[in-house]
C-alpha atoms as a PDB file:
ATOM      1  CA  MET A   1    -158.052 -34.273-124.311  1.00  0.00           C
ATOM      2  CA  SER A   2    -159.875 -31.297-122.891  1.00  0.00           C
ATOM      3  CA  ALA A   3    -163.175 -31.099-121.085  1.00  0.00           C
ATOM      4  CA  PRO A   4    -166.251 -30.999-123.318  1.00  0.00           C
ATOM      5  CA  ASN A   5    -167.992 -27.772-124.230  1.00  0.00           C
ATOM      6  CA  LEU A   6    -171.069 -27.552-121.996  1.00  0.00           C
ATOM      7  CA  ILE A   7    -173.119 -26.102-124.876  1.00  0.00           C
ATOM      8  CA  THR A   8    -172.498 -29.088-127.148  1.00  0.00           C
ATOM      9  CA  LEU A   9    -172.944 -31.953-124.669  1.00  0.00           C
ATOM     10  CA  THR A  10    -174.350 -35.141-126.133  1.00  0.00           C
ATOM     11  CA  ASP A  11    -174.657 -37.202-122.960  1.00  0.00           C
ATOM     12  CA  VAL A  12    -175.497 -36.403-119.321  1.00  0.00           C
ATOM     13  CA  VAL A  13    -175.819 -39.304-116.884  1.00  0.00           C
ATOM     14  CA  GLY A  14    -176.871 -38.757-113.264  1.00  0.00           C
ATOM     15  CA  LYS A  15    -175.180 -40.845-110.580  1.00  0.00           C
ATOM     16  CA  THR A  16    -175.187 -41.234-106.797  1.00  0.00           C
ATOM     17  CA  HIS A  17    -172.448 -42.642-104.576  1.00  0.00           C
ATOM     18  CA  ALA A  18    -172.476 -43.277-100.809  1.00  0.00           C
ATOM     19  CA  GLU A  19    -170.143 -44.730 -98.188  1.00  0.00           C
ATOM     20  CA  PHE A  20    -168.747 -44.231 -94.695  1.00  0.00           C
ATOM     21  CA  ILE A  21    -165.975 -41.692 -94.187  1.00  0.00           C
ATOM     22  CA  SER A  22    -162.552 -42.801 -92.970  1.00  0.00           C
ATOM     23  CA  ASP A  23    -160.143 -40.931 -90.725  1.00  0.00           C
ATOM     24  CA  THR A  24    -157.623 -40.942 -93.596  1.00  0.00           C
ATOM     25  CA  SER A  25    -158.020 -39.111 -96.873  1.00  0.00           C
ATOM     26  CA  GLN A  26    -159.947 -41.143 -99.448  1.00  0.00           C
ATOM     27  CA  ILE A  27    -160.861 -40.376-103.047  1.00  0.00           C
ATOM     28  CA  ILE A  28    -164.631 -40.457-103.408  1.00  0.00           C
ATOM     29  CA  LEU A  29    -164.979 -39.156-106.961  1.00  0.00           C
ATOM     30  CA  GLN A  30    -162.411 -39.026-109.738  1.00  0.00           C
ATOM     31  CA  ASN A  31    -162.386 -37.797-113.325  1.00  0.00           C
ATOM     32  CA  ALA A  32    -159.644 -39.677-115.134  1.00  0.00           C
ATOM     33  CA  THR A  33    -157.139 -37.867-117.319  1.00  0.00           C
ATOM     34  CA  GLY A  34    -158.209 -38.275-120.947  1.00  0.00           C
ATOM     35  CA  SER A  35    -161.819 -39.152-120.071  1.00  0.00           C
ATOM     36  CA  SER A  36    -163.313 -36.482-122.374  1.00  0.00           C
ATOM     37  CA  GLU A  37    -165.850 -35.943-119.590  1.00  0.00           C
ATOM     38  CA  ILE A  38    -166.611 -33.358-116.964  1.00  0.00           C
ATOM     39  CA  LEU A  39    -168.245 -34.263-113.629  1.00  0.00           C
ATOM     40  CA  ARG A  40    -170.665 -31.830-112.001  1.00  0.00           C
ATOM     41  CA  VAL A  41    -171.179 -32.377-108.280  1.00  0.00           C
ATOM     42  CA  ASN A  42    -174.769 -31.331-107.590  1.00  0.00           C
ATOM     43  CA  VAL A  43    -175.191 -32.056-103.898  1.00  0.00           C
ATOM     44  CA  MET A  44    -173.430 -33.794-101.045  1.00  0.00           C
ATOM     45  CA  TYR A  45    -174.902 -34.809 -97.704  1.00  0.00           C
ATOM     46  CA  VAL A  46    -172.757 -35.733 -94.705  1.00  0.00           C
ATOM     47  CA  THR A  47    -174.562 -37.450 -91.831  1.00  0.00           C
ATOM     48  CA  ASN A  48    -173.346 -38.260 -88.351  1.00  0.00           C
ATOM     49  CA  VAL A  49    -174.807 -41.594 -87.254  1.00  0.00           C
ATOM     50  CA  SER A  50    -173.237 -41.636 -83.794  1.00  0.00           C
ATOM     51  CA  MET A  51    -173.593 -39.998 -80.400  1.00  0.00           C
ATOM     52  CA  ASN A  52    -170.254 -38.157 -80.859  1.00  0.00           C
ATOM     53  CA  SER A  53    -169.636 -34.963 -82.784  1.00  0.00           C
ATOM     54  CA  ALA A  54    -167.107 -35.249 -85.617  1.00  0.00           C
ATOM     55  CA  THR A  55    -165.506 -33.035 -88.238  1.00  0.00           C
ATOM     56  CA  VAL A  56    -165.278 -33.484 -91.994  1.00  0.00           C
ATOM     57  CA  THR A  57    -162.802 -32.071 -94.511  1.00  0.00           C
ATOM     58  CA  ILE A  58    -163.443 -32.127 -98.276  1.00  0.00           C
ATOM     59  CA  GLU A  59    -160.693 -31.383-100.784  1.00  0.00           C
ATOM     60  CA  LEU A  60    -160.437 -30.845-104.516  1.00  0.00           C
ATOM     61  CA  ASN A  61    -157.235 -32.418-105.834  1.00  0.00           C
ATOM     62  CA  ARG A  62    -155.971 -30.736-109.010  1.00  0.00           C
ATOM     63  CA  ASN A  63    -152.458 -31.240-110.376  1.00  0.00           C
ATOM     64  CA  ASN A  64    -151.533 -33.134-107.179  1.00  0.00           C
ATOM     65  CA  ILE A  65    -152.417 -30.143-104.990  1.00  0.00           C
ATOM     66  CA  ASN A  66    -155.208 -30.469-102.420  1.00  0.00           C
ATOM     67  CA  TYR A  67    -157.488 -27.423-102.189  1.00  0.00           C
ATOM     68  CA  LYS A  68    -159.783 -27.340 -99.172  1.00  0.00           C
ATOM     69  CA  LEU A  69    -163.468 -26.923-100.068  1.00  0.00           C
ATOM     70  CA  ILE A  70    -164.599 -27.631 -96.511  1.00  0.00           C
ATOM     71  CA  TYR A  71    -162.174 -27.694 -93.582  1.00  0.00           C
ATOM     72  CA  ASN A  72    -162.989 -29.320 -90.239  1.00  0.00           C
ATOM     73  CA  LEU A  73    -166.723 -28.701 -90.554  1.00  0.00           C
ATOM     74  CA  LEU A  74    -168.417 -29.802 -87.342  1.00  0.00           C
ATOM     75  CA  VAL A  75    -171.176 -32.381 -87.772  1.00  0.00           C
ATOM     76  CA  ASN A  76    -173.046 -32.717 -84.510  1.00  0.00           C
ATOM     77  CA  ALA A  77    -174.201 -36.093 -83.178  1.00  0.00           C
ATOM     78  CA  ASN A  78    -177.222 -37.506 -85.007  1.00  0.00           C
ATOM     79  CA  SER A  79    -177.387 -34.673 -87.536  1.00  0.00           C
ATOM     80  CA  SER A  80    -176.620 -33.873 -91.175  1.00  0.00           C
ATOM     81  CA  VAL A  81    -174.960 -31.067 -93.135  1.00  0.00           C
ATOM     82  CA  VAL A  82    -174.991 -30.181 -96.832  1.00  0.00           C
ATOM     83  CA  PRO A  83    -171.455 -28.993 -97.625  1.00  0.00           C
ATOM     84  CA  ILE A  84    -172.107 -28.872-101.396  1.00  0.00           C
ATOM     85  CA  ALA A  85    -175.526 -27.801-102.640  1.00  0.00           C
ATOM     86  CA  LYS A  86    -177.061 -27.313-106.081  1.00  0.00           C
ATOM     87  CA  ASP A  87    -176.493 -23.547-105.893  1.00  0.00           C
ATOM     88  CA  SER A  88    -172.787 -24.126-105.169  1.00  0.00           C
ATOM     89  CA  SER A  89    -172.068 -27.117-107.405  1.00  0.00           C
ATOM     90  CA  ILE A  90    -168.513 -27.724-108.582  1.00  0.00           C
ATOM     91  CA  TYR A  91    -166.981 -29.256-111.709  1.00  0.00           C
ATOM     92  CA  LEU A  92    -164.289 -31.916-111.745  1.00  0.00           C
ATOM     93  CA  GLU A  93    -162.189 -31.507-114.861  1.00  0.00           C
ATOM     94  CA  GLU A  94    -160.018 -34.253-116.326  1.00  0.00           C
ATOM     95  CA  GLY A  95    -157.450 -35.370-113.766  1.00  0.00           C
ATOM     96  CA  ASP A  96    -159.359 -33.881-110.817  1.00  0.00           C
ATOM     97  CA  SER A  97    -160.562 -35.827-107.810  1.00  0.00           C
ATOM     98  CA  LEU A  98    -162.652 -35.146-104.728  1.00  0.00           C
ATOM     99  CA  LYS A  99    -161.285 -36.354-101.380  1.00  0.00           C
ATOM    100  CA  ILE A 100    -162.855 -36.592 -97.944  1.00  0.00           C
ATOM    101  CA  PHE A 101    -161.840 -37.511 -94.394  1.00  0.00           C
ATOM    102  CA  SER A 102    -163.048 -37.152 -90.814  1.00  0.00           C
ATOM    103  CA  ASN A 103    -161.389 -36.925 -87.435  1.00  0.00           C
ATOM    104  CA  LEU A 104    -163.274 -40.134 -86.452  1.00  0.00           C
ATOM    105  CA  ALA A 105    -163.581 -43.205 -88.689  1.00  0.00           C
ATOM    106  CA  GLY A 106    -166.995 -44.813 -89.200  1.00  0.00           C
ATOM    107  CA  VAL A 107    -168.962 -42.010 -87.535  1.00  0.00           C
ATOM    108  CA  LEU A 108    -169.916 -40.040 -90.651  1.00  0.00           C
ATOM    109  CA  HIS A 109    -171.169 -41.152 -94.017  1.00  0.00           C
ATOM    110  CA  PHE A 110    -171.769 -39.208 -97.216  1.00  0.00           C
ATOM    111  CA  VAL A 111    -174.142 -39.340-100.146  1.00  0.00           C
ATOM    112  CA  ILE A 112    -173.070 -37.489-103.277  1.00  0.00           C
ATOM    113  CA  SER A 113    -175.126 -36.849-106.406  1.00  0.00           C
ATOM    114  CA  TYR A 114    -173.296 -35.904-109.609  1.00  0.00           C
ATOM    115  CA  ASP A 115    -173.592 -35.776-113.393  1.00  0.00           C
ATOM    116  CA  VAL A 116    -171.158 -37.313-115.866  1.00  0.00           C
ATOM    117  CA  MET A 117    -171.225 -35.071-118.929  1.00  0.00           C
ATOM    118  CA  SER A 118    -169.665 -35.730-122.323  1.00  0.00           C
END
């Protein structure tokens, strides 16, 4: 099935997800093939909760190809960045996923706000 027409949506549900970031690539948001939904990522916060600087990479996986949205973005100790903001939101179509990883495990965490639209 294809993604829904944004003009004729019947359902929009807001969601938030949060967890620590690993040093290996992990899927943090996925739109299943055949879902008849589209996911709009509204905002993402990445926070460094340690005394060490770390980097974060965020990828869009489409058709088994990883496209870098953010690559090795430095997050200083005890600070936060907003790699995806409302004015730069992205859509995950059916079969797409959003992946994230850091150079240091357990140092960064993320909070992501998104809409499930159908």
